[in-house]
Structure formats: structure tokens, C-alpha cells
Amino acid sequence: MTTPTHLHTVEPTALLPQIEWRLRMAAAQRGIWTGTELRRLLAERAGLELSAASVSALFTKQPSQVKLSTLAALCAALDCTPGDLLAVGEPAAPPPSTTSSPPPSRQQSAPRHRSLPPL
């Protein structure tokens, strides 16, 4: 068996949009202030049983990923849309370039003539 001699890397071709998790705001607008209340609503309205730790993490942190079934359950429990839970903004500006630009070209001046010392 041969092993690959190189790894395929994926270069980002475009900047990703900034996504803000707004569950806490959406819940507060509906009078839901604690993870315990949200957990109860998820079970009652959407039939989703999540651990207290999972609900707390969703309620207090920006998740790196959310299952679509969980997103649908949150929407059903809070009677909202995914747009109420996720705010998509403009991509972040790329970091400043670390490469330096070439120095400006110098124009060559006419050669200078040295004067000779007196004899």
C-alpha cells in the first residue's frame, strides 16, 4: 500500500459571512429568560429532550454548529423563524497584508565628475 506524498489543501476563495447566534435575544423577546424554561418548551412544543448542559450551552454561547433538527425544534418552541435565531452579516475584512511593497524605483542620475586636485 502506498501513502500519499502530499495532502490536498483547500484555499479559501471567499470570505465567510459573520453569523451571530441570537437565541438568547429571541427567547427574551418571548418572555423566556432561563435555560430551564427553554428546555421545558423544547420538550412540550417540539418533542425534543435536550440535557440541561446542552440547552445551557445553546443559550449562553455561540455554537460552531447546530443540527437542522435542533434549529427546527428551537423555532417551533419559540414560534419563530431561523432568521430570528441567526443574523448574517458582512464578511470580516481580510487582515492587512504582511508582504511589503517593492521600494519605489530610483531614477538614475547622470554620473558625477570628480574634480581633480590642482597640480
PDB file of N, CA and C in Angstrom:
ATOM      1  N   MET A   1       0.849  -1.178   0.000  1.00  0.00           N
ATOM      2  CA  MET A   1       0.000   0.000   0.000  1.00  0.00           C
ATOM      3  C   MET A   1       0.892   1.239   0.000  1.00  0.00           C
ATOM      4  N   THR A   2       0.534   2.195  -0.823  1.00  0.00           N
ATOM      5  CA  THR A   2       1.317   3.428  -0.877  1.00  0.00           C
ATOM      6  C   THR A   2       0.574   4.521  -0.128  1.00  0.00           C
ATOM      7  N   THR A   3       1.339   5.405   0.413  1.00  0.00           N
ATOM      8  CA  THR A   3       0.727   6.533   1.111  1.00  0.00           C
ATOM      9  C   THR A   3       0.901   7.772   0.256  1.00  0.00           C
ATOM     10  N   PRO A   4      -0.056   8.680   0.327  1.00  0.00           N
ATOM     11  CA  PRO A   4       0.065   9.894  -0.480  1.00  0.00           C
ATOM     12  C   PRO A   4       1.273  10.711  -0.033  1.00  0.00           C
ATOM     13  N   THR A   5       1.937  11.279  -1.001  1.00  0.00           N
ATOM     14  CA  THR A   5       3.113  12.080  -0.684  1.00  0.00           C
ATOM     15  C   THR A   5       2.761  13.534  -0.438  1.00  0.00           C
ATOM     16  N   HIS A   6       1.541  13.900  -0.724  1.00  0.00           N
ATOM     17  CA  HIS A   6       1.122  15.273  -0.463  1.00  0.00           C
ATOM     18  C   HIS A   6      -0.312  15.273   0.052  1.00  0.00           C
ATOM     19  N   LEU A   7      -0.669  16.311   0.746  1.00  0.00           N
ATOM     20  CA  LEU A   7      -2.036  16.469   1.229  1.00  0.00           C
ATOM     21  C   LEU A   7      -2.720  17.527   0.391  1.00  0.00           C
ATOM     22  N   HIS A   8      -3.968  17.322   0.161  1.00  0.00           N
ATOM     23  CA  HIS A   8      -4.749  18.298  -0.595  1.00  0.00           C
ATOM     24  C   HIS A   8      -5.236  19.362   0.381  1.00  0.00           C
ATOM     25  N   THR A   9      -4.883  20.593   0.141  1.00  0.00           N
ATOM     26  CA  THR A   9      -5.353  21.673   0.993  1.00  0.00           C
ATOM     27  C   THR A   9      -6.354  22.506   0.225  1.00  0.00           C
ATOM     28  N   VAL A  10      -7.289  23.046   0.943  1.00  0.00           N
ATOM     29  CA  VAL A  10      -8.317  23.876   0.342  1.00  0.00           C
ATOM     30  C   VAL A  10      -8.027  25.315   0.727  1.00  0.00           C
ATOM     31  N   GLU A  11      -7.840  26.131  -0.267  1.00  0.00           N
ATOM     32  CA  GLU A  11      -7.602  27.547  -0.042  1.00  0.00           C
ATOM     33  C   GLU A  11      -8.951  28.252  -0.014  1.00  0.00           C
ATOM     34  N   PRO A  12      -9.179  29.116   0.973  1.00  0.00           N
ATOM     35  CA  PRO A  12     -10.446  29.846   0.964  1.00  0.00           C
ATOM     36  C   PRO A  12     -10.474  30.817  -0.211  1.00  0.00           C
ATOM     37  N   THR A  13     -11.543  30.735  -0.989  1.00  0.00           N
ATOM     38  CA  THR A  13     -11.629  31.600  -2.156  1.00  0.00           C
ATOM     39  C   THR A  13     -12.442  32.851  -1.871  1.00  0.00           C
ATOM     40  N   ALA A  14     -13.247  32.807  -0.834  1.00  0.00           N
ATOM     41  CA  ALA A  14     -14.058  33.970  -0.488  1.00  0.00           C
ATOM     42  C   ALA A  14     -14.135  34.070   1.022  1.00  0.00           C
ATOM     43  N   LEU A  15     -14.384  35.238   1.496  1.00  0.00           N
ATOM     44  CA  LEU A  15     -14.544  35.439   2.930  1.00  0.00           C
ATOM     45  C   LEU A  15     -15.915  34.945   3.354  1.00  0.00           C
ATOM     46  N   LEU A  16     -15.976  34.293   4.492  1.00  0.00           N
ATOM     47  CA  LEU A  16     -17.242  33.793   5.007  1.00  0.00           C
ATOM     48  C   LEU A  16     -17.990  34.908   5.727  1.00  0.00           C
ATOM     49  N   PRO A  17     -19.317  34.909   5.627  1.00  0.00           N
ATOM     50  CA  PRO A  17     -20.070  35.938   6.339  1.00  0.00           C
ATOM     51  C   PRO A  17     -19.993  35.710   7.842  1.00  0.00           C
ATOM     52  N   GLN A  18     -20.147  36.761   8.590  1.00  0.00           N
ATOM     53  CA  GLN A  18     -20.189  36.673  10.041  1.00  0.00           C
ATOM     54  C   GLN A  18     -21.600  36.270  10.450  1.00  0.00           C
ATOM     55  N   ILE A  19     -21.708  35.259  11.320  1.00  0.00           N
ATOM     56  CA  ILE A  19     -23.009  34.781  11.771  1.00  0.00           C
ATOM     57  C   ILE A  19     -23.104  34.993  13.274  1.00  0.00           C
ATOM     58  N   GLU A  20     -24.177  35.632  13.692  1.00  0.00           N
ATOM     59  CA  GLU A  20     -24.404  35.893  15.112  1.00  0.00           C
ATOM     60  C   GLU A  20     -25.545  35.014  15.604  1.00  0.00           C
ATOM     61  N   TRP A  21     -25.307  34.274  16.680  1.00  0.00           N
ATOM     62  CA  TRP A  21     -26.309  33.415  17.294  1.00  0.00           C
ATOM     63  C   TRP A  21     -27.142  34.280  18.217  1.00  0.00           C
ATOM     64  N   ARG A  22     -28.450  34.375  17.942  1.00  0.00           N
ATOM     65  CA  ARG A  22     -29.326  35.290  18.677  1.00  0.00           C
ATOM     66  C   ARG A  22     -30.413  34.572  19.467  1.00  0.00           C
ATOM     67  N   LEU A  23     -30.139  33.351  19.902  1.00  0.00           N
ATOM     68  CA  LEU A  23     -31.148  32.584  20.642  1.00  0.00           C
ATOM     69  C   LEU A  23     -31.586  33.307  21.905  1.00  0.00           C
ATOM     70  N   ARG A  24     -30.629  33.809  22.670  1.00  0.00           N
ATOM     71  CA  ARG A  24     -30.977  34.465  23.934  1.00  0.00           C
ATOM     72  C   ARG A  24     -31.891  35.670  23.692  1.00  0.00           C
ATOM     73  N   MET A  25     -31.598  36.459  22.663  1.00  0.00           N
ATOM     74  CA  MET A  25     -32.428  37.629  22.346  1.00  0.00           C
ATOM     75  C   MET A  25     -33.826  37.199  21.899  1.00  0.00           C
ATOM     76  N   ALA A  26     -33.879  36.189  21.027  1.00  0.00           N
ATOM     77  CA  ALA A  26     -35.189  35.708  20.554  1.00  0.00           C
ATOM     78  C   ALA A  26     -36.013  35.155  21.708  1.00  0.00           C
ATOM     79  N   ALA A  27     -35.366  34.433  22.615  1.00  0.00           N
ATOM     80  CA  ALA A  27     -36.077  33.880  23.772  1.00  0.00           C
ATOM     81  C   ALA A  27     -36.570  35.010  24.680  1.00  0.00           C
ATOM     82  N   ALA A  28     -35.718  35.983  24.954  1.00  0.00           N
ATOM     83  CA  ALA A  28     -36.095  37.098  25.835  1.00  0.00           C
ATOM     84  C   ALA A  28     -37.276  37.875  25.258  1.00  0.00           C
ATOM     85  N   GLN A  29     -37.320  38.049  23.931  1.00  0.00           N
ATOM     86  CA  GLN A  29     -38.431  38.758  23.302  1.00  0.00           C
ATOM     87  C   GLN A  29     -39.741  38.003  23.478  1.00  0.00           C
ATOM     88  N   ARG A  30     -39.649  36.716  23.818  1.00  0.00           N
ATOM     89  CA  ARG A  30     -40.838  35.903  24.024  1.00  0.00           C
ATOM     90  C   ARG A  30     -41.047  35.570  25.500  1.00  0.00           C
ATOM     91  N   GLY A  31     -40.331  36.266  26.381  1.00  0.00           N
ATOM     92  CA  GLY A  31     -40.505  36.085  27.826  1.00  0.00           C
ATOM     93  C   GLY A  31     -39.818  34.854  28.394  1.00  0.00           C
ATOM     94  N   ILE A  32     -38.886  34.274  27.654  1.00  0.00           N
ATOM     95  CA  ILE A  32     -38.144  33.100  28.123  1.00  0.00           C
ATOM     96  C   ILE A  32     -36.779  33.604  28.592  1.00  0.00           C
ATOM     97  N   TRP A  33     -36.505  33.480  29.889  1.00  0.00           N
ATOM     98  CA  TRP A  33     -35.298  34.067  30.459  1.00  0.00           C
ATOM     99  C   TRP A  33     -34.266  33.050  30.913  1.00  0.00           C
ATOM    100  N   THR A  34     -34.657  31.793  31.065  1.00  0.00           N
ATOM    101  CA  THR A  34     -33.697  30.797  31.569  1.00  0.00           C
ATOM    102  C   THR A  34     -33.641  29.574  30.654  1.00  0.00           C
ATOM    103  N   GLY A  35     -32.543  28.862  30.770  1.00  0.00           N
ATOM    104  CA  GLY A  35     -32.392  27.619  30.031  1.00  0.00           C
ATOM    105  C   GLY A  35     -33.417  26.584  30.460  1.00  0.00           C
ATOM    106  N   THR A  36     -33.799  26.613  31.724  1.00  0.00           N
ATOM    107  CA  THR A  36     -34.801  25.668  32.236  1.00  0.00           C
ATOM    108  C   THR A  36     -36.140  25.884  31.541  1.00  0.00           C
ATOM    109  N   GLU A  37     -36.533  27.150  31.373  1.00  0.00           N
ATOM    110  CA  GLU A  37     -37.788  27.449  30.677  1.00  0.00           C
ATOM    111  C   GLU A  37     -37.705  27.005  29.215  1.00  0.00           C
ATOM    112  N   LEU A  38     -36.577  27.269  28.579  1.00  0.00           N
ATOM    113  CA  LEU A  38     -36.399  26.885  27.180  1.00  0.00           C
ATOM    114  C   LEU A  38     -36.417  25.369  27.030  1.00  0.00           C
ATOM    115  N   ARG A  39     -35.777  24.676  27.935  1.00  0.00           N
ATOM    116  CA  ARG A  39     -35.743  23.201  27.893  1.00  0.00           C
ATOM    117  C   ARG A  39     -37.155  22.623  27.994  1.00  0.00           C
ATOM    118  N   ARG A  40     -37.966  23.201  28.884  1.00  0.00           N
ATOM    119  CA  ARG A  40     -39.348  22.743  29.042  1.00  0.00           C
ATOM    120  C   ARG A  40     -40.145  22.984  27.765  1.00  0.00           C
ATOM    121  N   LEU A  41     -39.967  24.162  27.147  1.00  0.00           N
ATOM    122  CA  LEU A  41     -40.677  24.467  25.896  1.00  0.00           C
ATOM    123  C   LEU A  41     -40.253  23.541  24.761  1.00  0.00           C
ATOM    124  N   LEU A  42     -38.961  23.241  24.690  1.00  0.00           N
ATOM    125  CA  LEU A  42     -38.482  22.322  23.652  1.00  0.00           C
ATOM    126  C   LEU A  42     -39.146  20.958  23.785  1.00  0.00           C
ATOM    127  N   ALA A  43     -39.284  20.488  24.998  1.00  0.00           N
ATOM    128  CA  ALA A  43     -39.915  19.179  25.227  1.00  0.00           C
ATOM    129  C   ALA A  43     -41.416  19.236  24.922  1.00  0.00           C
ATOM    130  N   GLU A  44     -42.094  20.275  25.407  1.00  0.00           N
ATOM    131  CA  GLU A  44     -43.546  20.378  25.245  1.00  0.00           C
ATOM    132  C   GLU A  44     -43.978  20.662  23.805  1.00  0.00           C
ATOM    133  N   ARG A  45     -43.348  21.644  23.180  1.00  0.00           N
ATOM    134  CA  ARG A  45     -43.806  22.109  21.871  1.00  0.00           C
ATOM    135  C   ARG A  45     -43.148  21.401  20.691  1.00  0.00           C
ATOM    136  N   ALA A  46     -41.921  20.895  20.905  1.00  0.00           N
ATOM    137  CA  ALA A  46     -41.205  20.310  19.765  1.00  0.00           C
ATOM    138  C   ALA A  46     -40.846  18.848  19.979  1.00  0.00           C
ATOM    139  N   GLY A  47     -41.088  18.334  21.185  1.00  0.00           N
ATOM    140  CA  GLY A  47     -40.772  16.933  21.456  1.00  0.00           C
ATOM    141  C   GLY A  47     -39.280  16.646  21.497  1.00  0.00           C
ATOM    142  N   LEU A  48     -38.472  17.662  21.748  1.00  0.00           N
ATOM    143  CA  LEU A  48     -37.020  17.479  21.793  1.00  0.00           C
ATOM    144  C   LEU A  48     -36.546  17.508  23.237  1.00  0.00           C
ATOM    145  N   GLU A  49     -35.942  16.421  23.654  1.00  0.00           N
ATOM    146  CA  GLU A  49     -35.379  16.326  25.000  1.00  0.00           C
ATOM    147  C   GLU A  49     -33.878  16.573  24.915  1.00  0.00           C
ATOM    148  N   LEU A  50     -33.436  17.701  25.400  1.00  0.00           N
ATOM    149  CA  LEU A  50     -32.009  18.015  25.453  1.00  0.00           C
ATOM    150  C   LEU A  50     -31.577  18.063  26.911  1.00  0.00           C
ATOM    151  N   SER A  51     -30.318  17.757  27.148  1.00  0.00           N
ATOM    152  CA  SER A  51     -29.793  17.841  28.510  1.00  0.00           C
ATOM    153  C   SER A  51     -29.746  19.304  28.932  1.00  0.00           C
ATOM    154  N   ALA A  52     -29.724  19.503  30.239  1.00  0.00           N
ATOM    155  CA  ALA A  52     -29.632  20.867  30.765  1.00  0.00           C
ATOM    156  C   ALA A  52     -28.343  21.532  30.285  1.00  0.00           C
ATOM    157  N   ALA A  53     -27.258  20.762  30.214  1.00  0.00           N
ATOM    158  CA  ALA A  53     -25.978  21.310  29.768  1.00  0.00           C
ATOM    159  C   ALA A  53     -26.042  21.740  28.298  1.00  0.00           C
ATOM    160  N   SER A  54     -26.709  20.945  27.473  1.00  0.00           N
ATOM    161  CA  SER A  54     -26.830  21.294  26.051  1.00  0.00           C
ATOM    162  C   SER A  54     -27.651  22.554  25.857  1.00  0.00           C
ATOM    163  N   VAL A  55     -28.750  22.666  26.577  1.00  0.00           N
ATOM    164  CA  VAL A  55     -29.591  23.858  26.468  1.00  0.00           C
ATOM    165  C   VAL A  55     -28.833  25.072  26.997  1.00  0.00           C
ATOM    166  N   SER A  56     -28.125  24.898  28.092  1.00  0.00           N
ATOM    167  CA  SER A  56     -27.339  25.998  28.647  1.00  0.00           C
ATOM    168  C   SER A  56     -26.289  26.477  27.651  1.00  0.00           C
ATOM    169  N   ALA A  57     -25.611  25.546  26.994  1.00  0.00           N
ATOM    170  CA  ALA A  57     -24.602  25.915  26.002  1.00  0.00           C
ATOM    171  C   ALA A  57     -25.235  26.659  24.829  1.00  0.00           C
ATOM    172  N   LEU A  58     -26.375  26.195  24.343  1.00  0.00           N
ATOM    173  CA  LEU A  58     -27.064  26.887  23.247  1.00  0.00           C
ATOM    174  C   LEU A  58     -27.523  28.279  23.675  1.00  0.00           C
ATOM    175  N   PHE A  59     -27.915  28.389  24.930  1.00  0.00           N
ATOM    176  CA  PHE A  59     -28.484  29.626  25.451  1.00  0.00           C
ATOM    177  C   PHE A  59     -27.411  30.679  25.727  1.00  0.00           C
ATOM    178  N   THR A  60     -26.207  30.238  26.093  1.00  0.00           N
ATOM    179  CA  THR A  60     -25.203  31.195  26.554  1.00  0.00           C
ATOM    180  C   THR A  60     -24.003  31.376  25.632  1.00  0.00           C
ATOM    181  N   LYS A  61     -23.803  30.491  24.667  1.00  0.00           N
ATOM    182  CA  LYS A  61     -22.613  30.567  23.817  1.00  0.00           C
ATOM    183  C   LYS A  61     -22.998  30.594  22.350  1.00  0.00           C
ATOM    184  N   GLN A  62     -22.070  31.039  21.534  1.00  0.00           N
ATOM    185  CA  GLN A  62     -22.239  30.984  20.083  1.00  0.00           C
ATOM    186  C   GLN A  62     -21.792  29.597  19.631  1.00  0.00           C
ATOM    187  N   PRO A  63     -22.698  28.734  19.179  1.00  0.00           N
ATOM    188  CA  PRO A  63     -22.281  27.400  18.753  1.00  0.00           C
ATOM    189  C   PRO A  63     -21.538  27.449  17.426  1.00  0.00           C
ATOM    190  N   SER A  64     -20.630  26.488  17.228  1.00  0.00           N
ATOM    191  CA  SER A  64     -19.936  26.415  15.947  1.00  0.00           C
ATOM    192  C   SER A  64     -20.781  25.659  14.924  1.00  0.00           C
ATOM    193  N   GLN A  65     -21.712  24.862  15.410  1.00  0.00           N
ATOM    194  CA  GLN A  65     -22.630  24.154  14.520  1.00  0.00           C
ATOM    195  C   GLN A  65     -23.911  23.832  15.277  1.00  0.00           C
ATOM    196  N   VAL A  66     -25.017  23.733  14.536  1.00  0.00           N
ATOM    197  CA  VAL A  66     -26.313  23.384  15.107  1.00  0.00           C
ATOM    198  C   VAL A  66     -26.983  22.440  14.133  1.00  0.00           C
ATOM    199  N   LYS A  67     -27.488  21.324  14.632  1.00  0.00           N
ATOM    200  CA  LYS A  67     -28.236  20.400  13.773  1.00  0.00           C
ATOM    201  C   LYS A  67     -29.492  21.092  13.264  1.00  0.00           C
ATOM    202  N   LEU A  68     -29.854  20.788  12.038  1.00  0.00           N
ATOM    203  CA  LEU A  68     -31.077  21.369  11.489  1.00  0.00           C
ATOM    204  C   LEU A  68     -32.301  20.954  12.297  1.00  0.00           C
ATOM    205  N   SER A  69     -32.304  19.736  12.804  1.00  0.00           N
ATOM    206  CA  SER A  69     -33.441  19.287  13.615  1.00  0.00           C
ATOM    207  C   SER A  69     -33.535  20.090  14.918  1.00  0.00           C
ATOM    208  N   THR A  70     -32.395  20.460  15.487  1.00  0.00           N
ATOM    209  CA  THR A  70     -32.392  21.284  16.704  1.00  0.00           C
ATOM    210  C   THR A  70     -32.857  22.691  16.376  1.00  0.00           C
ATOM    211  N   LEU A  71     -32.397  23.235  15.251  1.00  0.00           N
ATOM    212  CA  LEU A  71     -32.825  24.564  14.827  1.00  0.00           C
ATOM    213  C   LEU A  71     -34.334  24.582  14.606  1.00  0.00           C
ATOM    214  N   ALA A  72     -34.862  23.549  13.964  1.00  0.00           N
ATOM    215  CA  ALA A  72     -36.309  23.460  13.730  1.00  0.00           C
ATOM    216  C   ALA A  72     -37.068  23.373  15.049  1.00  0.00           C
ATOM    217  N   ALA A  73     -36.538  22.609  16.006  1.00  0.00           N
ATOM    218  CA  ALA A  73     -37.190  22.477  17.309  1.00  0.00           C
ATOM    219  C   ALA A  73     -37.175  23.808  18.056  1.00  0.00           C
ATOM    220  N   LEU A  74     -36.068  24.523  18.000  1.00  0.00           N
ATOM    221  CA  LEU A  74     -35.998  25.834  18.647  1.00  0.00           C
ATOM    222  C   LEU A  74     -37.022  26.786  18.041  1.00  0.00           C
ATOM    223  N   CYS A  75     -37.142  26.744  16.719  1.00  0.00           N
ATOM    224  CA  CYS A  75     -38.125  27.596  16.041  1.00  0.00           C
ATOM    225  C   CYS A  75     -39.550  27.229  16.449  1.00  0.00           C
ATOM    226  N   ALA A  76     -39.827  25.939  16.557  1.00  0.00           N
ATOM    227  CA  ALA A  76     -41.168  25.502  16.969  1.00  0.00           C
ATOM    228  C   ALA A  76     -41.441  25.902  18.418  1.00  0.00           C
ATOM    229  N   ALA A  77     -40.465  25.723  19.286  1.00  0.00           N
ATOM    230  CA  ALA A  77     -40.647  26.044  20.701  1.00  0.00           C
ATOM    231  C   ALA A  77     -40.844  27.534  20.926  1.00  0.00           C
ATOM    232  N   LEU A  78     -40.127  28.352  20.168  1.00  0.00           N
ATOM    233  CA  LEU A  78     -40.201  29.801  20.358  1.00  0.00           C
ATOM    234  C   LEU A  78     -41.142  30.490  19.380  1.00  0.00           C
ATOM    235  N   ASP A  79     -41.767  29.702  18.492  1.00  0.00           N
ATOM    236  CA  ASP A  79     -42.656  30.243  17.471  1.00  0.00           C
ATOM    237  C   ASP A  79     -41.949  31.363  16.703  1.00  0.00           C
ATOM    238  N   CYS A  80     -40.814  30.988  16.103  1.00  0.00           N
ATOM    239  CA  CYS A  80     -40.012  31.958  15.361  1.00  0.00           C
ATOM    240  C   CYS A  80     -39.457  31.306  14.101  1.00  0.00           C
ATOM    241  N   THR A  81     -38.666  32.034  13.362  1.00  0.00           N
ATOM    242  CA  THR A  81     -38.030  31.514  12.156  1.00  0.00           C
ATOM    243  C   THR A  81     -36.518  31.426  12.381  1.00  0.00           C
ATOM    244  N   PRO A  82     -35.806  30.680  11.538  1.00  0.00           N
ATOM    245  CA  PRO A  82     -34.344  30.653  11.675  1.00  0.00           C
ATOM    246  C   PRO A  82     -33.717  32.045  11.591  1.00  0.00           C
ATOM    247  N   GLY A  83     -34.334  32.938  10.845  1.00  0.00           N
ATOM    248  CA  GLY A  83     -33.836  34.306  10.749  1.00  0.00           C
ATOM    249  C   GLY A  83     -33.889  35.062  12.069  1.00  0.00           C
ATOM    250  N   ASP A  84     -34.762  34.612  12.974  1.00  0.00           N
ATOM    251  CA  ASP A  84     -34.814  35.225  14.303  1.00  0.00           C
ATOM    252  C   ASP A  84     -33.664  34.739  15.179  1.00  0.00           C
ATOM    253  N   LEU A  85     -33.121  33.575  14.863  1.00  0.00           N
ATOM    254  CA  LEU A  85     -32.061  32.986  15.677  1.00  0.00           C
ATOM    255  C   LEU A  85     -30.670  33.232  15.123  1.00  0.00           C
ATOM    256  N   LEU A  86     -30.581  33.487  13.815  1.00  0.00           N
ATOM    257  CA  LEU A  86     -29.286  33.688  13.158  1.00  0.00           C
ATOM    258  C   LEU A  86     -29.290  35.021  12.427  1.00  0.00           C
ATOM    259  N   ALA A  87     -28.307  35.834  12.718  1.00  0.00           N
ATOM    260  CA  ALA A  87     -28.141  37.086  11.989  1.00  0.00           C
ATOM    261  C   ALA A  87     -26.879  36.954  11.149  1.00  0.00           C
ATOM    262  N   VAL A  88     -27.018  37.146   9.853  1.00  0.00           N
ATOM    263  CA  VAL A  88     -25.887  37.004   8.942  1.00  0.00           C
ATOM    264  C   VAL A  88     -25.441  38.401   8.532  1.00  0.00           C
ATOM    265  N   GLY A  89     -24.159  38.663   8.778  1.00  0.00           N
ATOM    266  CA  GLY A  89     -23.605  39.972   8.463  1.00  0.00           C
ATOM    267  C   GLY A  89     -22.585  39.896   7.352  1.00  0.00           C
ATOM    268  N   GLU A  90     -21.984  41.015   7.090  1.00  0.00           N
ATOM    269  CA  GLU A  90     -20.960  41.115   6.058  1.00  0.00           C
ATOM    270  C   GLU A  90     -19.715  40.346   6.467  1.00  0.00           C
ATOM    271  N   PRO A  91     -18.983  39.818   5.502  1.00  0.00           N
ATOM    272  CA  PRO A  91     -17.718  39.147   5.825  1.00  0.00           C
ATOM    273  C   PRO A  91     -16.763  40.107   6.512  1.00  0.00           C
ATOM    274  N   ALA A  92     -15.955  39.547   7.379  1.00  0.00           N
ATOM    275  CA  ALA A  92     -14.937  40.362   8.052  1.00  0.00           C
ATOM    276  C   ALA A  92     -13.892  40.778   7.029  1.00  0.00           C
ATOM    277  N   ALA A  93     -13.318  41.931   7.238  1.00  0.00           N
ATOM    278  CA  ALA A  93     -12.269  42.401   6.333  1.00  0.00           C
ATOM    279  C   ALA A  93     -11.048  41.506   6.482  1.00  0.00           C
ATOM    280  N   PRO A  94     -10.363  41.248   5.387  1.00  0.00           N
ATOM    281  CA  PRO A  94      -9.167  40.412   5.489  1.00  0.00           C
ATOM    282  C   PRO A  94      -8.097  41.133   6.306  1.00  0.00           C
ATOM    283  N   PRO A  95      -7.248  40.371   6.965  1.00  0.00           N
ATOM    284  CA  PRO A  95      -6.185  41.009   7.732  1.00  0.00           C
ATOM    285  C   PRO A  95      -5.254  41.765   6.793  1.00  0.00           C
ATOM    286  N   PRO A  96      -4.593  42.812   7.302  1.00  0.00           N
ATOM    287  CA  PRO A  96      -3.690  43.561   6.432  1.00  0.00           C
ATOM    288  C   PRO A  96      -2.578  42.669   5.912  1.00  0.00           C
ATOM    289  N   SER A  97      -2.176  42.942   4.706  1.00  0.00           N
ATOM    290  CA  SER A  97      -1.134  42.144   4.065  1.00  0.00           C
ATOM    291  C   SER A  97       0.180  42.332   4.798  1.00  0.00           C
ATOM    292  N   THR A  98       0.914  41.238   4.948  1.00  0.00           N
ATOM    293  CA  THR A  98       2.207  41.310   5.628  1.00  0.00           C
ATOM    294  C   THR A  98       3.348  41.418   4.645  1.00  0.00           C
ATOM    295  N   THR A  99       3.033  41.315   3.371  1.00  0.00           N
ATOM    296  CA  THR A  99       4.103  41.451   2.383  1.00  0.00           C
ATOM    297  C   THR A  99       4.338  42.927   2.146  1.00  0.00           C
ATOM    298  N   SER A 100       5.586  43.286   1.997  1.00  0.00           N
ATOM    299  CA  SER A 100       5.893  44.693   1.769  1.00  0.00           C
ATOM    300  C   SER A 100       5.915  44.958   0.278  1.00  0.00           C
ATOM    301  N   SER A 101       5.576  46.176  -0.068  1.00  0.00           N
ATOM    302  CA  SER A 101       5.590  46.534  -1.482  1.00  0.00           C
ATOM    303  C   SER A 101       7.024  46.847  -1.884  1.00  0.00           C
ATOM    304  N   PRO A 102       7.328  46.669  -3.152  1.00  0.00           N
ATOM    305  CA  PRO A 102       8.690  46.942  -3.594  1.00  0.00           C
ATOM    306  C   PRO A 102       9.006  48.423  -3.423  1.00  0.00           C
ATOM    307  N   PRO A 103      10.260  48.755  -3.166  1.00  0.00           N
ATOM    308  CA  PRO A 103      10.602  50.171  -2.994  1.00  0.00           C
ATOM    309  C   PRO A 103      10.392  50.909  -4.302  1.00  0.00           C
ATOM    310  N   PRO A 104      10.105  52.203  -4.208  1.00  0.00           N
ATOM    311  CA  PRO A 104       9.895  52.960  -5.443  1.00  0.00           C
ATOM    312  C   PRO A 104      11.163  52.925  -6.275  1.00  0.00           C
ATOM    313  N   SER A 105      10.959  52.914  -7.593  1.00  0.00           N
ATOM    314  CA  SER A 105      12.134  52.841  -8.462  1.00  0.00           C
ATOM    315  C   SER A 105      12.901  54.149  -8.391  1.00  0.00           C
ATOM    316  N   ARG A 106      14.216  54.034  -8.448  1.00  0.00           N
ATOM    317  CA  ARG A 106      15.067  55.219  -8.411  1.00  0.00           C
ATOM    318  C   ARG A 106      15.457  55.578  -9.839  1.00  0.00           C
ATOM    319  N   GLN A 107      15.386  56.815 -10.106  1.00  0.00           N
ATOM    320  CA  GLN A 107      15.850  57.255 -11.418  1.00  0.00           C
ATOM    321  C   GLN A 107      17.363  57.400 -11.339  1.00  0.00           C
ATOM    322  N   GLN A 108      18.019  56.910 -12.346  1.00  0.00           N
ATOM    323  CA  GLN A 108      19.469  57.032 -12.336  1.00  0.00           C
ATOM    324  C   GLN A 108      19.837  58.444 -12.741  1.00  0.00           C
ATOM    325  N   SER A 109      20.726  59.026 -11.962  1.00  0.00           N
ATOM    326  CA  SER A 109      21.170  60.376 -12.292  1.00  0.00           C
ATOM    327  C   SER A 109      22.436  60.275 -13.147  1.00  0.00           C
ATOM    328  N   ALA A 110      22.741  61.347 -13.786  1.00  0.00           N
ATOM    329  CA  ALA A 110      23.945  61.375 -14.622  1.00  0.00           C
ATOM    330  C   ALA A 110      25.166  61.183 -13.722  1.00  0.00           C
ATOM    331  N   PRO A 111      26.172  60.489 -14.212  1.00  0.00           N
ATOM    332  CA  PRO A 111      27.351  60.272 -13.365  1.00  0.00           C
ATOM    333  C   PRO A 111      27.993  61.595 -12.979  1.00  0.00           C
ATOM    334  N   ARG A 112      28.457  61.652 -11.774  1.00  0.00           N
ATOM    335  CA  ARG A 112      29.128  62.869 -11.302  1.00  0.00           C
ATOM    336  C   ARG A 112      30.589  62.824 -11.713  1.00  0.00           C
ATOM    337  N   HIS A 113      31.104  63.968 -12.053  1.00  0.00           N
ATOM    338  CA  HIS A 113      32.526  64.080 -12.378  1.00  0.00           C
ATOM    339  C   HIS A 113      33.232  64.640 -11.163  1.00  0.00           C
ATOM    340  N   ARG A 114      34.280  63.969 -10.824  1.00  0.00           N
ATOM    341  CA  ARG A 114      35.068  64.487  -9.723  1.00  0.00           C
ATOM    342  C   ARG A 114      36.084  65.475 -10.264  1.00  0.00           C
ATOM    343  N   SER A 115      36.253  66.489  -9.546  1.00  0.00           N
ATOM    344  CA  SER A 115      37.300  67.422  -9.993  1.00  0.00           C
ATOM    345  C   SER A 115      38.640  66.928  -9.494  1.00  0.00           C
ATOM    346  N   LEU A 116      39.593  67.127 -10.292  1.00  0.00           N
ATOM    347  CA  LEU A 116      40.944  66.685  -9.940  1.00  0.00           C
ATOM    348  C   LEU A 116      41.616  67.738  -9.076  1.00  0.00           C
ATOM    349  N   PRO A 117      42.428  67.309  -8.157  1.00  0.00           N
ATOM    350  CA  PRO A 117      43.148  68.294  -7.322  1.00  0.00           C
ATOM    351  C   PRO A 117      44.152  69.083  -8.170  1.00  0.00           C
ATOM    352  N   PRO A 118      44.429  70.301  -7.795  1.00  0.00           N
ATOM    353  CA  PRO A 118      45.391  71.114  -8.571  1.00  0.00           C
ATOM    354  C   PRO A 118      46.763  70.460  -8.537  1.00  0.00           C
ATOM    355  N   LEU A 119      47.496  70.638  -9.587  1.00  0.00           N
ATOM    356  CA  LEU A 119      48.859  70.117  -9.693  1.00  0.00           C
ATOM    357  C   LEU A 119      49.852  70.960  -9.018  1.00  0.00           C
TER     358      LEU A 119
END
